[in-house]
Amino acid sequence: MRGVLSSGRPASHGSAVVNESRLLWGLLFSSVGVGFFLYGKQQRSIVPLVCGLALVIYPYFIANVIATVAIGIGLTSIPYFFRK
């Protein structure tokens, strides 16, 4: 049987919400990262540039939604605390 787990439920029953959450949080933080990256490049400031690059890349490697949000909030707040 294609697409059915051994318990008889469809394979995407519980994991679809998690995947959608990861996708949306990743999109949000990647969008913020693009903004930080462009700002850092324009202002020649290394902190927003590196944080922006990290925000764009990290959602591809983190599978847990809570970890994705926590790391995203942390990386988003770094330029605020380390500004000139």
PDB file of N, CA and C in Angstrom:
ATOM      1  N   MET A   1       0.833  -1.181   0.000  1.00  0.00           N
ATOM      2  CA  MET A   1       0.000   0.000   0.000  1.00  0.00           C
ATOM      3  C   MET A   1       0.873   1.238   0.000  1.00  0.00           C
ATOM      4  N   ARG A   2       0.635   2.066  -0.921  1.00  0.00           N
ATOM      5  CA  ARG A   2       1.422   3.269  -1.054  1.00  0.00           C
ATOM      6  C   ARG A   2       0.837   4.382  -0.191  1.00  0.00           C
ATOM      7  N   GLY A   3       1.702   5.070   0.583  1.00  0.00           N
ATOM      8  CA  GLY A   3       1.273   6.212   1.371  1.00  0.00           C
ATOM      9  C   GLY A   3       0.515   5.873   2.642  1.00  0.00           C
ATOM     10  N   VAL A   4       0.604   4.624   3.112  1.00  0.00           N
ATOM     11  CA  VAL A   4      -0.094   4.236   4.325  1.00  0.00           C
ATOM     12  C   VAL A   4       0.921   3.631   5.288  1.00  0.00           C
ATOM     13  N   LEU A   5       0.894   4.086   6.537  1.00  0.00           N
ATOM     14  CA  LEU A   5       1.763   3.529   7.557  1.00  0.00           C
ATOM     15  C   LEU A   5       1.253   2.180   8.006  1.00  0.00           C
ATOM     16  N   SER A   6       2.053   1.467   8.783  1.00  0.00           N
ATOM     17  CA  SER A   6       1.641   0.152   9.266  1.00  0.00           C
ATOM     18  C   SER A   6       0.428   0.231  10.192  1.00  0.00           C
ATOM     19  N   SER A   7       0.151   1.390  10.771  1.00  0.00           N
ATOM     20  CA  SER A   7      -1.008   1.545  11.647  1.00  0.00           C
ATOM     21  C   SER A   7      -2.298   1.748  10.861  1.00  0.00           C
ATOM     22  N   GLY A   8      -2.200   1.907   9.543  1.00  0.00           N
ATOM     23  CA  GLY A   8      -3.388   2.077   8.724  1.00  0.00           C
ATOM     24  C   GLY A   8      -3.736   3.521   8.434  1.00  0.00           C
ATOM     25  N   ARG A   9      -3.027   4.457   9.061  1.00  0.00           N
ATOM     26  CA  ARG A   9      -3.271   5.873   8.816  1.00  0.00           C
ATOM     27  C   ARG A   9      -2.500   6.327   7.580  1.00  0.00           C
ATOM     28  N   PRO A  10      -2.953   7.368   6.928  1.00  0.00           N
ATOM     29  CA  PRO A  10      -2.165   7.926   5.823  1.00  0.00           C
ATOM     30  C   PRO A  10      -0.813   8.420   6.331  1.00  0.00           C
ATOM     31  N   ALA A  11       0.197   8.346   5.508  1.00  0.00           N
ATOM     32  CA  ALA A  11       1.556   8.683   5.923  1.00  0.00           C
ATOM     33  C   ALA A  11       1.704  10.141   6.317  1.00  0.00           C
ATOM     34  N   SER A  12       0.909  11.030   5.775  1.00  0.00           N
ATOM     35  CA  SER A  12       1.070  12.452   6.058  1.00  0.00           C
ATOM     36  C   SER A  12       0.161  12.942   7.178  1.00  0.00           C
ATOM     37  N   HIS A  13      -0.444  12.051   7.940  1.00  0.00           N
ATOM     38  CA  HIS A  13      -1.437  12.451   8.942  1.00  0.00           C
ATOM     39  C   HIS A  13      -0.879  13.417   9.978  1.00  0.00           C
ATOM     40  N   GLY A  14       0.190  13.085  10.688  1.00  0.00           N
ATOM     41  CA  GLY A  14       0.702  13.947  11.743  1.00  0.00           C
ATOM     42  C   GLY A  14       1.863  14.804  11.312  1.00  0.00           C
ATOM     43  N   SER A  15       2.555  14.436  10.275  1.00  0.00           N
ATOM     44  CA  SER A  15       3.764  15.150   9.902  1.00  0.00           C
ATOM     45  C   SER A  15       3.491  16.344   8.991  1.00  0.00           C
ATOM     46  N   ALA A  16       2.315  16.453   8.424  1.00  0.00           N
ATOM     47  CA  ALA A  16       2.034  17.556   7.501  1.00  0.00           C
ATOM     48  C   ALA A  16       2.035  18.897   8.222  1.00  0.00           C
ATOM     49  N   VAL A  17       1.507  18.951   9.440  1.00  0.00           N
ATOM     50  CA  VAL A  17       1.459  20.193  10.188  1.00  0.00           C
ATOM     51  C   VAL A  17       2.867  20.641  10.552  1.00  0.00           C
ATOM     52  N   VAL A  18       3.704  19.707  10.966  1.00  0.00           N
ATOM     53  CA  VAL A  18       5.073  20.038  11.327  1.00  0.00           C
ATOM     54  C   VAL A  18       5.826  20.544  10.101  1.00  0.00           C
ATOM     55  N   ASN A  19       5.650  19.894   8.966  1.00  0.00           N
ATOM     56  CA  ASN A  19       6.337  20.328   7.764  1.00  0.00           C
ATOM     57  C   ASN A  19       5.860  21.703   7.312  1.00  0.00           C
ATOM     58  N   GLU A  20       4.576  21.963   7.428  1.00  0.00           N
ATOM     59  CA  GLU A  20       4.067  23.287   7.075  1.00  0.00           C
ATOM     60  C   GLU A  20       4.592  24.344   8.037  1.00  0.00           C
ATOM     61  N   SER A  21       4.661  24.018   9.302  1.00  0.00           N
ATOM     62  CA  SER A  21       5.194  24.963  10.286  1.00  0.00           C
ATOM     63  C   SER A  21       6.652  25.272  10.001  1.00  0.00           C
ATOM     64  N   ARG A  22       7.427  24.244   9.740  1.00  0.00           N
ATOM     65  CA  ARG A  22       8.844  24.457   9.412  1.00  0.00           C
ATOM     66  C   ARG A  22       8.985  25.316   8.162  1.00  0.00           C
ATOM     67  N   LEU A  23       8.152  25.052   7.180  1.00  0.00           N
ATOM     68  CA  LEU A  23       8.212  25.814   5.939  1.00  0.00           C
ATOM     69  C   LEU A  23       7.892  27.286   6.174  1.00  0.00           C
ATOM     70  N   LEU A  24       6.843  27.567   6.914  1.00  0.00           N
ATOM     71  CA  LEU A  24       6.440  28.952   7.153  1.00  0.00           C
ATOM     72  C   LEU A  24       7.428  29.702   8.045  1.00  0.00           C
ATOM     73  N   TRP A  25       7.902  29.060   9.110  1.00  0.00           N
ATOM     74  CA  TRP A  25       8.897  29.705   9.965  1.00  0.00           C
ATOM     75  C   TRP A  25      10.188  29.923   9.197  1.00  0.00           C
ATOM     76  N   GLY A  26      10.586  28.940   8.401  1.00  0.00           N
ATOM     77  CA  GLY A  26      11.788  29.094   7.588  1.00  0.00           C
ATOM     78  C   GLY A  26      11.658  30.222   6.589  1.00  0.00           C
ATOM     79  N   LEU A  27      10.485  30.350   5.989  1.00  0.00           N
ATOM     80  CA  LEU A  27      10.238  31.445   5.045  1.00  0.00           C
ATOM     81  C   LEU A  27      10.299  32.796   5.747  1.00  0.00           C
ATOM     82  N   LEU A  28       9.707  32.886   6.920  1.00  0.00           N
ATOM     83  CA  LEU A  28       9.720  34.138   7.675  1.00  0.00           C
ATOM     84  C   LEU A  28      11.141  34.551   8.028  1.00  0.00           C
ATOM     85  N   PHE A  29      11.900  33.642   8.640  1.00  0.00           N
ATOM     86  CA  PHE A  29      13.248  33.995   9.068  1.00  0.00           C
ATOM     87  C   PHE A  29      14.192  34.174   7.884  1.00  0.00           C
ATOM     88  N   SER A  30      13.986  33.451   6.810  1.00  0.00           N
ATOM     89  CA  SER A  30      14.811  33.658   5.617  1.00  0.00           C
ATOM     90  C   SER A  30      14.534  35.025   4.994  1.00  0.00           C
ATOM     91  N   SER A  31      13.287  35.455   5.027  1.00  0.00           N
ATOM     92  CA  SER A  31      12.951  36.786   4.507  1.00  0.00           C
ATOM     93  C   SER A  31      13.605  37.880   5.337  1.00  0.00           C
ATOM     94  N   VAL A  32      13.568  37.720   6.647  1.00  0.00           N
ATOM     95  CA  VAL A  32      14.245  38.675   7.520  1.00  0.00           C
ATOM     96  C   VAL A  32      15.751  38.631   7.250  1.00  0.00           C
ATOM     97  N   GLY A  33      16.266  37.438   7.016  1.00  0.00           N
ATOM     98  CA  GLY A  33      17.686  37.283   6.726  1.00  0.00           C
ATOM     99  C   GLY A  33      18.112  37.980   5.446  1.00  0.00           C
ATOM    100  N   VAL A  34      17.284  37.921   4.424  1.00  0.00           N
ATOM    101  CA  VAL A  34      17.596  38.631   3.182  1.00  0.00           C
ATOM    102  C   VAL A  34      17.656  40.132   3.444  1.00  0.00           C
ATOM    103  N   GLY A  35      16.733  40.630   4.242  1.00  0.00           N
ATOM    104  CA  GLY A  35      16.746  42.051   4.591  1.00  0.00           C
ATOM    105  C   GLY A  35      18.003  42.434   5.355  1.00  0.00           C
ATOM    106  N   PHE A  36      18.379  41.626   6.350  1.00  0.00           N
ATOM    107  CA  PHE A  36      19.608  41.888   7.100  1.00  0.00           C
ATOM    108  C   PHE A  36      20.825  41.822   6.190  1.00  0.00           C
ATOM    109  N   PHE A  37      20.848  40.839   5.302  1.00  0.00           N
ATOM    110  CA  PHE A  37      21.987  40.674   4.409  1.00  0.00           C
ATOM    111  C   PHE A  37      22.145  41.888   3.501  1.00  0.00           C
ATOM    112  N   LEU A  38      21.052  42.336   2.902  1.00  0.00           N
ATOM    113  CA  LEU A  38      21.115  43.498   2.014  1.00  0.00           C
ATOM    114  C   LEU A  38      21.495  44.769   2.774  1.00  0.00           C
ATOM    115  N   TYR A  39      20.961  44.914   3.975  1.00  0.00           N
ATOM    116  CA  TYR A  39      21.308  46.078   4.801  1.00  0.00           C
ATOM    117  C   TYR A  39      22.789  46.047   5.170  1.00  0.00           C
ATOM    118  N   GLY A  40      23.280  44.894   5.601  1.00  0.00           N
ATOM    119  CA  GLY A  40      24.683  44.772   5.979  1.00  0.00           C
ATOM    120  C   GLY A  40      25.617  45.005   4.808  1.00  0.00           C
ATOM    121  N   LYS A  41      25.201  44.547   3.635  1.00  0.00           N
ATOM    122  CA  LYS A  41      26.021  44.759   2.449  1.00  0.00           C
ATOM    123  C   LYS A  41      26.049  46.242   2.068  1.00  0.00           C
ATOM    124  N   GLN A  42      24.902  46.895   2.131  1.00  0.00           N
ATOM    125  CA  GLN A  42      24.813  48.303   1.766  1.00  0.00           C
ATOM    126  C   GLN A  42      25.571  49.188   2.763  1.00  0.00           C
ATOM    127  N   GLN A  43      25.443  48.894   4.049  1.00  0.00           N
ATOM    128  CA  GLN A  43      26.077  49.705   5.086  1.00  0.00           C
ATOM    129  C   GLN A  43      27.504  49.263   5.403  1.00  0.00           C
ATOM    130  N   ARG A  44      27.946  48.197   4.790  1.00  0.00           N
ATOM    131  CA  ARG A  44      29.274  47.621   5.042  1.00  0.00           C
ATOM    132  C   ARG A  44      29.448  47.290   6.513  1.00  0.00           C
ATOM    133  N   SER A  45      28.416  46.644   7.073  1.00  0.00           N
ATOM    134  CA  SER A  45      28.413  46.238   8.474  1.00  0.00           C
ATOM    135  C   SER A  45      28.406  44.716   8.529  1.00  0.00           C
ATOM    136  N   ILE A  46      29.367  44.148   9.205  1.00  0.00           N
ATOM    137  CA  ILE A  46      29.557  42.699   9.183  1.00  0.00           C
ATOM    138  C   ILE A  46      28.505  41.946  10.007  1.00  0.00           C
ATOM    139  N   VAL A  47      28.042  42.522  11.120  1.00  0.00           N
ATOM    140  CA  VAL A  47      27.105  41.798  11.995  1.00  0.00           C
ATOM    141  C   VAL A  47      25.781  41.507  11.289  1.00  0.00           C
ATOM    142  N   PRO A  48      25.094  42.494  10.710  1.00  0.00           N
ATOM    143  CA  PRO A  48      23.850  42.155  10.017  1.00  0.00           C
ATOM    144  C   PRO A  48      24.087  41.296   8.777  1.00  0.00           C
ATOM    145  N   LEU A  49      25.232  41.472   8.129  1.00  0.00           N
ATOM    146  CA  LEU A  49      25.548  40.673   6.953  1.00  0.00           C
ATOM    147  C   LEU A  49      25.658  39.196   7.309  1.00  0.00           C
ATOM    148  N   VAL A  50      26.402  38.884   8.346  1.00  0.00           N
ATOM    149  CA  VAL A  50      26.598  37.488   8.757  1.00  0.00           C
ATOM    150  C   VAL A  50      25.309  36.913   9.340  1.00  0.00           C
ATOM    151  N   CYS A  51      24.594  37.690  10.154  1.00  0.00           N
ATOM    152  CA  CYS A  51      23.327  37.207  10.713  1.00  0.00           C
ATOM    153  C   CYS A  51      22.301  36.965   9.614  1.00  0.00           C
ATOM    154  N   GLY A  52      22.272  37.829   8.618  1.00  0.00           N
ATOM    155  CA  GLY A  52      21.359  37.636   7.497  1.00  0.00           C
ATOM    156  C   GLY A  52      21.673  36.374   6.725  1.00  0.00           C
ATOM    157  N   LEU A  53      22.940  36.139   6.478  1.00  0.00           N
ATOM    158  CA  LEU A  53      23.348  34.917   5.783  1.00  0.00           C
ATOM    159  C   LEU A  53      22.999  33.679   6.604  1.00  0.00           C
ATOM    160  N   ALA A  54      23.224  33.749   7.913  1.00  0.00           N
ATOM    161  CA  ALA A  54      22.879  32.623   8.785  1.00  0.00           C
ATOM    162  C   ALA A  54      21.368  32.387   8.817  1.00  0.00           C
ATOM    163  N   LEU A  55      20.588  33.459   8.840  1.00  0.00           N
ATOM    164  CA  LEU A  55      19.131  33.317   8.851  1.00  0.00           C
ATOM    165  C   LEU A  55      18.606  32.695   7.566  1.00  0.00           C
ATOM    166  N   VAL A  56      19.268  32.950   6.464  1.00  0.00           N
ATOM    167  CA  VAL A  56      18.834  32.368   5.196  1.00  0.00           C
ATOM    168  C   VAL A  56      19.187  30.887   5.138  1.00  0.00           C
ATOM    169  N   ILE A  57      20.325  30.506   5.701  1.00  0.00           N
ATOM    170  CA  ILE A  57      20.834  29.140   5.537  1.00  0.00           C
ATOM    171  C   ILE A  57      20.325  28.166   6.607  1.00  0.00           C
ATOM    172  N   TYR A  58      20.237  28.584   7.868  1.00  0.00           N
ATOM    173  CA  TYR A  58      20.003  27.625   8.940  1.00  0.00           C
ATOM    174  C   TYR A  58      18.688  26.837   8.859  1.00  0.00           C
ATOM    175  N   PRO A  59      17.573  27.361   8.319  1.00  0.00           N
ATOM    176  CA  PRO A  59      16.353  26.544   8.304  1.00  0.00           C
ATOM    177  C   PRO A  59      16.478  25.240   7.509  1.00  0.00           C
ATOM    178  N   TYR A  60      17.447  25.166   6.610  1.00  0.00           N
ATOM    179  CA  TYR A  60      17.644  23.946   5.834  1.00  0.00           C
ATOM    180  C   TYR A  60      18.226  22.817   6.674  1.00  0.00           C
ATOM    181  N   PHE A  61      18.866  23.152   7.785  1.00  0.00           N
ATOM    182  CA  PHE A  61      19.571  22.147   8.572  1.00  0.00           C
ATOM    183  C   PHE A  61      18.917  21.815   9.897  1.00  0.00           C
ATOM    184  N   ILE A  62      17.909  22.550  10.311  1.00  0.00           N
ATOM    185  CA  ILE A  62      17.232  22.329  11.592  1.00  0.00           C
ATOM    186  C   ILE A  62      15.875  21.688  11.333  1.00  0.00           C
ATOM    187  N   ALA A  63      15.645  20.518  11.927  1.00  0.00           N
ATOM    188  CA  ALA A  63      14.412  19.772  11.674  1.00  0.00           C
ATOM    189  C   ALA A  63      13.320  20.063  12.707  1.00  0.00           C
ATOM    190  N   ASN A  64      13.685  20.541  13.873  1.00  0.00           N
ATOM    191  CA  ASN A  64      12.729  20.770  14.947  1.00  0.00           C
ATOM    192  C   ASN A  64      12.143  22.182  14.833  1.00  0.00           C
ATOM    193  N   VAL A  65      10.832  22.293  14.928  1.00  0.00           N
ATOM    194  CA  VAL A  65      10.165  23.588  14.784  1.00  0.00           C
ATOM    195  C   VAL A  65      10.538  24.526  15.925  1.00  0.00           C
ATOM    196  N   ILE A  66      10.564  24.032  17.137  1.00  0.00           N
ATOM    197  CA  ILE A  66      10.888  24.875  18.295  1.00  0.00           C
ATOM    198  C   ILE A  66      12.324  25.374  18.193  1.00  0.00           C
ATOM    199  N   ALA A  67      13.233  24.508  17.778  1.00  0.00           N
ATOM    200  CA  ALA A  67      14.623  24.923  17.601  1.00  0.00           C
ATOM    201  C   ALA A  67      14.743  25.949  16.468  1.00  0.00           C
ATOM    202  N   THR A  68      13.968  25.768  15.417  1.00  0.00           N
ATOM    203  CA  THR A  68      13.981  26.720  14.305  1.00  0.00           C
ATOM    204  C   THR A  68      13.556  28.102  14.783  1.00  0.00           C
ATOM    205  N   VAL A  69      12.493  28.164  15.561  1.00  0.00           N
ATOM    206  CA  VAL A  69      12.003  29.451  16.069  1.00  0.00           C
ATOM    207  C   VAL A  69      12.993  30.059  17.051  1.00  0.00           C
ATOM    208  N   ALA A  70      13.541  29.248  17.955  1.00  0.00           N
ATOM    209  CA  ALA A  70      14.477  29.759  18.958  1.00  0.00           C
ATOM    210  C   ALA A  70      15.748  30.302  18.307  1.00  0.00           C
ATOM    211  N   ILE A  71      16.303  29.562  17.367  1.00  0.00           N
ATOM    212  CA  ILE A  71      17.513  30.018  16.685  1.00  0.00           C
ATOM    213  C   ILE A  71      17.204  31.261  15.847  1.00  0.00           C
ATOM    214  N   GLY A  72      16.050  31.284  15.207  1.00  0.00           N
ATOM    215  CA  GLY A  72      15.666  32.440  14.405  1.00  0.00           C
ATOM    216  C   GLY A  72      15.518  33.697  15.238  1.00  0.00           C
ATOM    217  N   ILE A  73      14.889  33.579  16.390  1.00  0.00           N
ATOM    218  CA  ILE A  73      14.741  34.736  17.272  1.00  0.00           C
ATOM    219  C   ILE A  73      16.114  35.193  17.773  1.00  0.00           C
ATOM    220  N   GLY A  74      16.961  34.236  18.111  1.00  0.00           N
ATOM    221  CA  GLY A  74      18.309  34.582  18.564  1.00  0.00           C
ATOM    222  C   GLY A  74      19.117  35.296  17.497  1.00  0.00           C
ATOM    223  N   LEU A  75      19.104  34.752  16.278  1.00  0.00           N
ATOM    224  CA  LEU A  75      19.865  35.377  15.194  1.00  0.00           C
ATOM    225  C   LEU A  75      19.278  36.725  14.792  1.00  0.00           C
ATOM    226  N   THR A  76      17.971  36.871  14.913  1.00  0.00           N
ATOM    227  CA  THR A  76      17.340  38.138  14.576  1.00  0.00           C
ATOM    228  C   THR A  76      17.673  39.215  15.600  1.00  0.00           C
ATOM    229  N   SER A  77      17.856  38.831  16.851  1.00  0.00           N
ATOM    230  CA  SER A  77      18.125  39.821  17.894  1.00  0.00           C
ATOM    231  C   SER A  77      19.600  40.196  17.999  1.00  0.00           C
ATOM    232  N   ILE A  78      20.503  39.417  17.444  1.00  0.00           N
ATOM    233  CA  ILE A  78      21.937  39.712  17.553  1.00  0.00           C
ATOM    234  C   ILE A  78      22.289  41.093  16.993  1.00  0.00           C
ATOM    235  N   PRO A  79      21.822  41.494  15.798  1.00  0.00           N
ATOM    236  CA  PRO A  79      22.188  42.835  15.302  1.00  0.00           C
ATOM    237  C   PRO A  79      21.687  43.976  16.199  1.00  0.00           C
ATOM    238  N   TYR A  80      20.614  43.762  16.933  1.00  0.00           N
ATOM    239  CA  TYR A  80      20.107  44.803  17.822  1.00  0.00           C
ATOM    240  C   TYR A  80      21.079  45.043  18.982  1.00  0.00           C
ATOM    241  N   PHE A  81      21.639  43.966  19.532  1.00  0.00           N
ATOM    242  CA  PHE A  81      22.517  44.084  20.692  1.00  0.00           C
ATOM    243  C   PHE A  81      23.958  44.418  20.306  1.00  0.00           C
ATOM    244  N   PHE A  82      24.371  44.128  19.091  1.00  0.00           N
ATOM    245  CA  PHE A  82      25.756  44.380  18.680  1.00  0.00           C
ATOM    246  C   PHE A  82      25.835  45.440  17.585  1.00  0.00           C
ATOM    247  N   ARG A  83      25.101  46.513  17.761  1.00  0.00           N
ATOM    248  CA  ARG A  83      25.175  47.595  16.791  1.00  0.00           C
ATOM    249  C   ARG A  83      26.197  48.623  17.262  1.00  0.00           C
ATOM    250  N   LYS A  84      26.621  49.432  16.341  1.00  0.00           N
ATOM    251  CA  LYS A  84      27.674  50.416  16.634  1.00  0.00           C
ATOM    252  C   LYS A  84      27.114  51.593  17.382  1.00  0.00           C
TER     253      LYS A  84
END
